[in-house]
Protein backbone atom coordinates (compact mmCIF):
# COMPACT_ATOMS: atom_id res chain seq x y z
CA MET A 1 99.66 -54.09 83.05
CA LYS A 2 101.05 -57.64 82.95
CA SER A 3 104.83 -58.09 82.99
CA CYS A 4 106.56 -60.05 80.29
CA GLY A 5 109.40 -62.46 80.83
CA PRO A 6 112.46 -62.63 78.61
CA ALA A 7 110.95 -65.24 76.34
CA ALA A 8 107.97 -63.02 75.64
CA LEU A 9 110.08 -60.42 73.85
CA SER A 10 110.97 -61.72 70.49
CA ARG A 11 113.91 -60.44 68.34
CA ARG A 12 111.44 -58.75 66.02
CA GLY A 13 109.68 -57.12 68.98
CA PHE A 14 113.01 -55.91 70.38
CA LEU A 15 113.95 -54.36 67.01
CA ALA A 16 110.64 -52.64 66.77
CA THR A 17 111.41 -50.61 69.85
CA LEU A 18 114.67 -49.18 68.48
CA PRO A 19 113.18 -46.31 66.35
CA ALA A 20 111.28 -44.99 69.38
CA ALA A 21 114.37 -45.34 71.56
CA ALA A 22 116.51 -43.63 68.93
CA SER A 23 113.99 -40.83 68.61
CA PHE A 24 113.95 -40.29 72.34
CA ALA A 25 117.76 -40.28 72.42
CA ALA A 26 117.84 -37.71 69.62
CA GLU A 27 115.40 -35.52 71.52
CA ILE A 28 117.56 -35.61 74.68
CA LYS A 29 120.63 -34.97 72.60
CA ASP A 30 119.19 -31.93 70.70
CA LYS A 31 117.05 -30.13 73.22
CA GLY A 32 119.35 -28.50 75.75
CA ARG A 33 122.39 -28.54 73.39
CA VAL A 34 124.62 -25.47 73.89
CA PHE A 35 126.02 -23.69 70.82
CA PRO A 36 129.16 -21.44 71.09
CA SER A 37 128.92 -17.70 70.61
CA GLU A 38 128.61 -16.43 67.03
CA ALA A 39 128.94 -12.78 68.09
CA LYS A 40 130.98 -10.48 65.89
CA ARG A 41 131.69 -6.80 66.84
CA PHE A 42 132.24 -4.23 64.14
CA ALA A 43 131.88 -0.44 63.63
CA ASP A 44 128.91 0.78 61.60
CA ALA A 45 129.99 2.16 58.23
CA ALA A 46 127.79 5.25 58.51
CA THR A 47 128.14 6.25 62.16
CA GLU A 48 131.11 4.23 63.38
CA PHE A 49 129.05 3.26 66.45
CA PRO A 50 129.89 -0.24 67.72
CA ILE A 51 127.45 -3.01 66.72
CA VAL A 52 127.42 -6.67 67.66
CA ARG A 53 126.04 -9.24 65.21
CA LEU A 54 124.78 -11.89 67.55
CA THR A 55 124.06 -14.69 65.01
CA ASP A 56 125.84 -16.00 62.04
CA PRO A 57 124.25 -14.90 58.62
CA ALA A 58 125.16 -18.29 57.17
CA HIS A 59 121.81 -19.41 58.63
CA THR A 60 118.52 -17.57 59.30
CA SER A 61 117.71 -16.19 62.76
CA HIS A 62 114.60 -14.16 63.69
CA LEU A 63 113.81 -11.85 66.52
CA LEU A 64 110.45 -12.43 68.23
CA PRO A 65 107.63 -9.99 67.52
CA HIS A 66 107.76 -6.94 69.84
CA TYR A 67 104.87 -8.10 71.90
CA ALA A 68 106.41 -11.59 72.40
CA ARG A 69 108.99 -10.28 74.87
CA ALA A 70 112.24 -11.41 73.16
CA VAL A 71 114.46 -10.00 76.02
CA SER A 72 114.14 -10.99 79.69
CA LYS A 73 113.20 -8.42 82.30
CA HIS A 74 116.75 -8.10 83.59
CA SER A 75 118.13 -7.93 80.00
CA ASN A 76 120.41 -10.94 80.56
CA PHE A 77 119.03 -13.33 77.96
CA LEU A 78 117.30 -13.34 74.54
CA LEU A 79 114.85 -15.74 73.01
CA TYR A 80 115.09 -16.13 69.29
CA VAL A 81 114.47 -18.58 66.47
CA SER A 82 116.97 -20.07 64.08
CA ASP A 83 117.45 -22.81 61.53
CA VAL A 84 121.07 -23.49 62.54
CA THR A 85 120.08 -27.12 63.19
CA GLY A 86 118.59 -27.55 59.68
CA ARG A 87 115.06 -26.56 60.78
CA PHE A 88 113.61 -23.77 62.85
CA GLU A 89 113.93 -24.26 66.58
CA ALA A 90 113.85 -21.80 69.53
CA PHE A 91 117.01 -20.78 71.37
CA ARG A 92 117.88 -18.98 74.57
CA MET A 93 121.03 -16.71 74.24
CA ASP A 94 123.05 -15.65 77.28
CA LEU A 95 123.70 -12.02 76.56
CA LYS A 96 126.89 -11.99 78.62
CA ASN A 97 128.81 -14.74 76.89
CA GLY A 98 126.77 -15.10 73.68
CA GLN A 99 126.16 -18.88 74.03
CA SER A 100 122.89 -20.24 72.83
CA ARG A 101 120.91 -23.17 74.28
CA GLN A 102 118.40 -25.02 72.05
CA ILE A 103 115.19 -25.00 73.91
CA THR A 104 112.78 -26.79 71.57
CA ASP A 105 112.85 -29.97 69.54
CA THR A 106 109.73 -29.90 67.40
CA GLU A 107 108.03 -31.51 64.48
CA SER A 108 106.93 -28.27 62.88
CA LEU A 109 107.72 -25.11 64.86
CA ASP A 110 105.95 -21.87 63.79
CA PRO A 111 108.94 -19.58 64.11
CA TRP A 112 106.67 -16.47 64.71
CA SER A 113 104.70 -18.13 67.43
CA VAL A 114 107.39 -18.15 70.17
CA CYS A 115 106.49 -16.02 73.21
CA MET A 116 108.15 -15.61 76.58
CA LEU A 117 105.96 -15.89 79.66
CA PRO A 118 105.74 -12.81 81.95
CA ASP A 119 107.76 -14.50 84.76
CA ASP A 120 110.78 -15.20 82.40
CA ARG A 121 110.64 -18.85 83.58
CA GLY A 122 108.88 -20.25 80.49
CA PHE A 123 107.67 -19.76 77.02
CA CYS A 124 104.96 -20.79 74.56
CA TYR A 125 104.97 -21.85 70.94
CA PHE A 126 103.03 -23.71 68.27
CA ASP A 127 104.31 -27.02 67.13
CA ALA A 128 102.10 -27.85 64.12
CA ASN A 129 98.55 -27.37 65.55
CA ARG A 130 99.50 -27.82 69.24
CA LEU A 131 100.05 -24.86 71.61
CA ILE A 132 102.89 -25.84 73.89
CA SER A 133 104.07 -24.36 77.21
CA ALA A 134 107.64 -25.06 78.23
CA ASN A 135 109.87 -24.48 81.23
CA LEU A 136 113.05 -22.60 80.40
CA THR A 137 115.07 -24.38 83.14
CA ASN A 138 114.32 -28.05 82.64
CA LEU A 139 112.74 -27.69 79.19
CA LYS A 140 109.76 -29.88 80.20
CA THR A 141 106.72 -29.23 77.99
CA ARG A 142 102.90 -29.33 78.36
CA GLU A 143 100.29 -29.27 75.68
CA VAL A 144 97.95 -26.37 76.52
CA TYR A 145 95.56 -26.36 73.52
CA ARG A 146 95.11 -27.94 70.14
CA ILE A 147 93.49 -26.25 67.09
CA PRO A 148 90.12 -27.85 66.49
CA GLU A 149 89.70 -30.09 63.47
CA GLY A 150 88.60 -28.09 60.38
CA PHE A 151 90.48 -24.98 61.50
CA ALA A 152 94.16 -23.98 60.83
CA ARG A 153 96.43 -21.80 62.87
CA SER A 154 96.90 -18.29 61.41
CA GLY A 155 99.28 -15.55 62.39
CA LYS A 156 101.09 -14.77 65.70
CA LEU A 157 100.05 -15.13 69.35
CA SER A 158 100.44 -13.08 72.46
CA ILE A 159 100.26 -13.72 76.21
CA SER A 160 98.44 -11.64 78.71
CA GLU A 161 100.53 -9.62 81.21
CA ASP A 162 99.52 -12.01 84.09
CA GLY A 163 100.38 -15.11 81.98
CA MET A 164 96.85 -16.56 82.36
CA TYR A 165 95.64 -16.15 78.75
CA VAL A 166 96.98 -16.68 75.21
CA ALA A 167 95.39 -14.95 72.21
CA VAL A 168 95.34 -17.36 69.18
CA ILE A 169 94.17 -16.71 65.65
CA GLU A 170 92.45 -19.51 63.66
CA LYS A 171 90.94 -19.69 60.19
CA ARG A 172 88.74 -21.90 58.11
CA ASP A 173 88.34 -20.90 54.45
CA ALA A 174 87.57 -17.22 54.57
CA THR A 175 86.50 -17.23 58.22
CA HIS A 176 89.00 -15.92 60.79
CA ARG A 177 88.54 -16.04 64.50
CA LEU A 178 90.32 -14.79 67.61
CA GLN A 179 90.34 -17.22 70.47
CA LEU A 180 91.31 -16.48 74.09
CA VAL A 181 92.85 -19.66 75.48
CA GLN A 182 93.15 -20.12 79.34
CA MET A 183 96.55 -21.42 80.14
CA THR A 184 95.68 -23.57 83.10
CA THR A 185 92.63 -25.38 81.58
CA GLY A 186 93.25 -25.14 77.82
CA THR A 187 89.70 -23.96 77.25
CA ALA A 188 89.08 -21.40 74.48
CA ASN A 189 86.70 -18.51 74.43
CA LYS A 190 85.85 -17.04 71.00
CA LEU A 191 86.20 -13.25 71.11
CA VAL A 192 85.85 -12.41 67.42
CA GLU A 193 84.73 -14.19 64.25
CA CYS A 194 84.68 -12.48 60.84
CA ASP A 195 85.29 -12.81 57.07
CA GLU A 196 88.34 -10.43 57.27
CA GLU A 197 91.91 -11.36 58.01
CA ILE A 198 92.86 -11.05 61.65
CA ARG A 199 96.55 -10.31 62.50
CA ASP A 200 98.93 -9.26 65.26
CA PRO A 201 96.96 -9.71 68.57
CA VAL A 202 98.55 -7.68 71.32
CA SER A 203 97.39 -8.09 74.92
CA ARG A 204 96.75 -4.78 76.75
CA PRO A 205 98.90 -4.17 79.75
CA LYS A 206 96.93 -3.78 83.00
CA ARG A 207 93.61 -4.30 81.22
CA ALA A 208 91.61 -7.34 80.11
CA ALA A 209 91.58 -6.55 76.40
CA ILE A 210 93.31 -7.35 73.10
CA LEU A 211 94.33 -5.02 70.38
CA TYR A 212 94.38 -6.69 66.92
CA ALA A 213 94.57 -5.80 63.21
CA ARG A 214 91.48 -6.73 61.21
CA GLY A 215 91.31 -6.04 57.42
CA ALA A 216 92.64 -2.50 56.98
CA GLY A 217 91.73 -1.34 60.49
CA VAL A 218 92.88 -1.81 64.14
CA TRP A 219 90.34 -3.10 66.64
CA LEU A 220 89.94 -3.54 70.41
CA ALA A 221 88.19 -6.38 72.08
CA ASP A 222 87.55 -6.98 75.81
CA TYR A 223 88.10 -10.45 77.22
CA ASP A 224 84.45 -10.79 78.17
CA GLY A 225 83.31 -9.84 74.65
CA ALA A 226 81.35 -6.88 75.96
CA HIS A 227 83.18 -4.48 73.60
CA ASN A 228 84.67 -5.08 70.23
CA TYR A 229 85.14 -2.04 68.03
CA ARG A 230 87.39 -0.47 65.35
CA LEU A 231 89.62 2.35 66.65
CA ARG A 232 89.12 5.74 64.91
CA LEU A 233 92.66 6.30 63.85
CA ALA A 234 94.05 8.97 61.47
CA GLU A 235 93.29 8.78 57.76
CA GLY A 236 95.78 6.86 55.65
CA THR A 237 97.29 3.42 56.13
CA THR A 238 97.98 2.06 59.57
CA GLY A 239 101.36 0.36 60.11
CA PRO A 240 102.60 -1.50 63.20
CA ALA A 241 100.80 -0.75 66.41
CA LEU A 242 101.81 -1.33 70.04
CA TRP A 243 100.64 -0.47 73.53
CA SER A 244 102.35 2.21 75.59
CA PRO A 245 104.05 0.61 78.55
CA ASP A 246 101.27 1.71 80.87
CA GLY A 247 98.59 0.32 78.58
CA ARG A 248 96.71 3.69 78.39
CA THR A 249 97.40 4.50 74.74
CA VAL A 250 98.06 2.88 71.39
CA LEU A 251 101.19 4.00 69.53
CA TYR A 252 101.16 3.42 65.83
CA LEU A 253 102.72 4.27 62.52
CA ASN A 254 100.54 6.31 60.16
CA TYR A 255 101.33 6.29 56.37
CA PRO A 256 99.63 9.25 54.71
CA GLU A 257 97.81 8.80 51.41
CA ASP A 258 100.12 11.38 49.88
CA LYS A 259 103.30 9.42 49.26
CA HIS A 260 105.38 12.65 49.44
CA LYS A 261 104.46 13.13 53.15
CA LEU A 262 106.35 11.61 55.98
CA HIS A 263 105.38 8.56 58.00
CA ALA A 264 104.38 9.63 61.53
CA ILE A 265 104.11 8.09 64.96
CA ARG A 266 100.61 8.79 66.37
CA GLU A 267 98.94 8.00 69.66
CA PHE A 268 95.30 6.91 70.24
CA THR A 269 93.69 6.91 73.64
CA PRO A 270 90.83 4.39 73.66
CA ASP A 271 89.21 5.58 76.94
CA ALA A 272 88.86 9.12 75.56
CA ASN A 273 88.57 8.24 71.83
CA GLU A 274 91.33 10.71 71.03
CA ASP A 275 94.01 10.58 68.42
CA LYS A 276 97.02 12.87 68.25
CA MET A 277 100.40 13.34 66.49
CA VAL A 278 103.52 12.29 68.31
CA ALA A 279 106.22 13.04 65.66
CA THR A 280 107.00 12.69 61.97
CA THR A 281 109.75 10.25 61.16
CA SER A 282 112.32 9.39 58.50
CA GLN A 283 109.87 7.03 56.88
CA PHE A 284 109.68 4.48 59.72
CA VAL A 285 108.14 1.12 58.71
CA GLY A 286 108.84 -0.49 62.15
CA PHE A 287 109.44 0.89 65.60
CA GLY A 288 109.61 0.16 69.34
CA CYS A 289 109.51 2.38 72.46
CA ASN A 290 111.64 2.43 75.55
CA GLY A 291 110.37 1.72 79.10
CA ASP A 292 108.42 5.02 79.51
CA ALA A 293 107.71 5.77 75.77
CA SER A 294 109.95 8.88 75.82
CA VAL A 295 112.26 7.53 73.14
CA PHE A 296 111.47 5.50 70.02
CA VAL A 297 113.77 3.26 67.97
CA GLY A 298 112.69 2.96 64.32
CA ALA A 299 113.66 1.39 61.00
CA SER A 300 113.51 3.66 57.96
CA GLY A 301 112.10 2.26 54.77
CA SER A 302 113.94 4.86 52.70
CA LYS A 303 116.07 3.22 50.02
CA ALA A 304 118.50 6.17 50.13
CA SER A 305 118.80 6.15 53.97
CA PRO A 306 118.21 2.59 55.28
CA TYR A 307 118.96 3.43 58.83
CA VAL A 308 118.09 2.46 62.40
CA LEU A 309 117.29 5.65 64.32
CA LEU A 310 116.40 6.98 67.73
CA LEU A 311 113.62 9.56 68.01
CA VAL A 312 113.35 11.62 71.24
CA ARG A 313 109.68 12.36 71.83
CA ALA A 314 110.07 15.60 73.77
CA VAL A 315 112.07 17.47 71.05
CA HIS A 316 110.97 15.54 67.95
CA ARG A 317 114.61 14.92 66.96
CA GLU A 318 116.15 11.88 65.39
CA MET A 319 119.63 10.45 65.77
CA THR A 320 121.01 7.82 63.35
CA LEU A 321 122.37 4.67 65.07
CA ALA A 322 123.37 2.50 62.18
CA GLU A 323 122.66 1.37 58.62
CA HIS A 324 120.41 -1.72 58.45
CA LYS A 325 120.68 -2.27 54.72
CA ALA A 326 117.96 -4.87 54.90
CA SER A 327 116.42 -6.07 51.64
CA ASP A 328 113.03 -5.51 53.23
CA ALA A 329 113.03 -2.85 55.92
CA SER A 330 109.98 -4.37 57.58
CA MET A 331 112.15 -7.26 58.83
CA VAL A 332 114.34 -4.95 60.86
CA ALA A 333 111.68 -4.59 63.60
CA PRO A 334 113.84 -2.78 66.23
CA ILE A 335 113.07 -3.14 69.91
CA PHE A 336 114.49 -1.90 73.19
CA ALA A 337 115.68 -4.10 76.03
CA PRO A 338 113.37 -3.73 79.08
CA ASN A 339 115.91 -1.44 80.84
CA SER A 340 116.15 0.73 77.66
CA GLN A 341 119.92 0.41 77.60
CA ARG A 342 120.24 -1.67 74.47
CA VAL A 343 118.39 -2.04 71.15
CA PHE A 344 118.03 -5.13 68.99
CA PHE A 345 117.14 -5.46 65.31
CA ALA A 346 117.32 -7.83 62.41
CA SER A 347 118.90 -7.56 58.93
CA ASP A 348 120.05 -9.64 56.00
CA GLN A 349 122.76 -7.19 55.07
CA HIS A 350 125.52 -9.78 55.50
CA GLY A 351 123.71 -12.82 54.10
CA LYS A 352 120.65 -14.43 55.61
CA PRO A 353 118.62 -12.61 58.28
CA ALA A 354 120.58 -12.22 61.51
CA ILE A 355 120.15 -10.47 64.80
CA TYR A 356 122.11 -7.38 65.80
CA THR A 357 122.40 -5.29 68.96
CA MET A 358 123.71 -1.94 70.02
CA SER A 359 124.30 -0.31 73.39
CA VAL A 360 122.46 3.09 73.78
CA GLU A 361 123.19 3.61 77.50
CA LYS A 362 124.97 6.85 76.73
CA LEU A 363 122.06 8.11 74.81
CA VAL A 364 118.96 6.90 76.62
CA GLU A 365 118.24 6.96 80.31
CA GLU A 366 117.75 3.63 82.06
CA THR A 367 114.18 2.71 82.93
CA ASP A 368 112.78 0.16 85.37
CA SER A 369 112.61 -3.32 83.84
């Protein structure tokens, strides 16, 4: 490229460079910016257990989906999404001091697409139609994949346990497809294509397979496409589903057709094609499990009892932790920290959706992160 002397750069040319320079300066200024703690501690009105509201309900903040790993392995930081800057961006919160660092500066972030990488050193997200991988330390980004022309991004994504693959959902008109994108090369392998809506892909721990919702059912597909079939779950409507920590079984909420019956947590073993009851619940509409699936945390959809509860698997007993009072109980989506010593949930009880946390170390044994 030829160099240009001072005379070659006109005043008009110089001024033309200013918007780009200003945009670059804004990116440097915004990404990496640290926000002070917004944490507020209070006692729950129903149980008097201490709760910490981590984000200010004056703006909207979202927890990541349960399979997106919102909390780091050592439970020292949290990834979340907030519109505190005027538009949705991703943030990393230090759980010791409550400070948040802005880690994206995007054109059009999909707030439900943010996922932490398995090594806790990076994360992925969709900015418009581009799948981006970013480093959590220096915030450098790399475009991994771009949605092909004619298709649109649809739904959430998940990352395999080894960090090598990302499950992405795309749609064109009534057609939906599940793509498996290789992180290193950006190449995509089509696992599923159908005329039913595909949702909530969840990579299977320790196995090369993806659990996903399709229409009214829950399906399982291998990475090589050799198997793709609907799971024979219990009659009724299937709610949220997640893998047990060891990847051997699918834990899911079952809503009986009889509205007077209780919602239940059930367990399906794909290798044996067996389904069994785990426990009935106080009308859970969302739930998570601790590090060994011996304790569940759930959000009740009951209007009379809008609670976050613990359910001990061995004795089928529940314990109320707090009132969530969310306008829509499905937003609560409670999860455990990897060491099982803390729970996190969302609610709009004080204004806009905010993130809350509670210590459960006196109630639940610590598990390996």
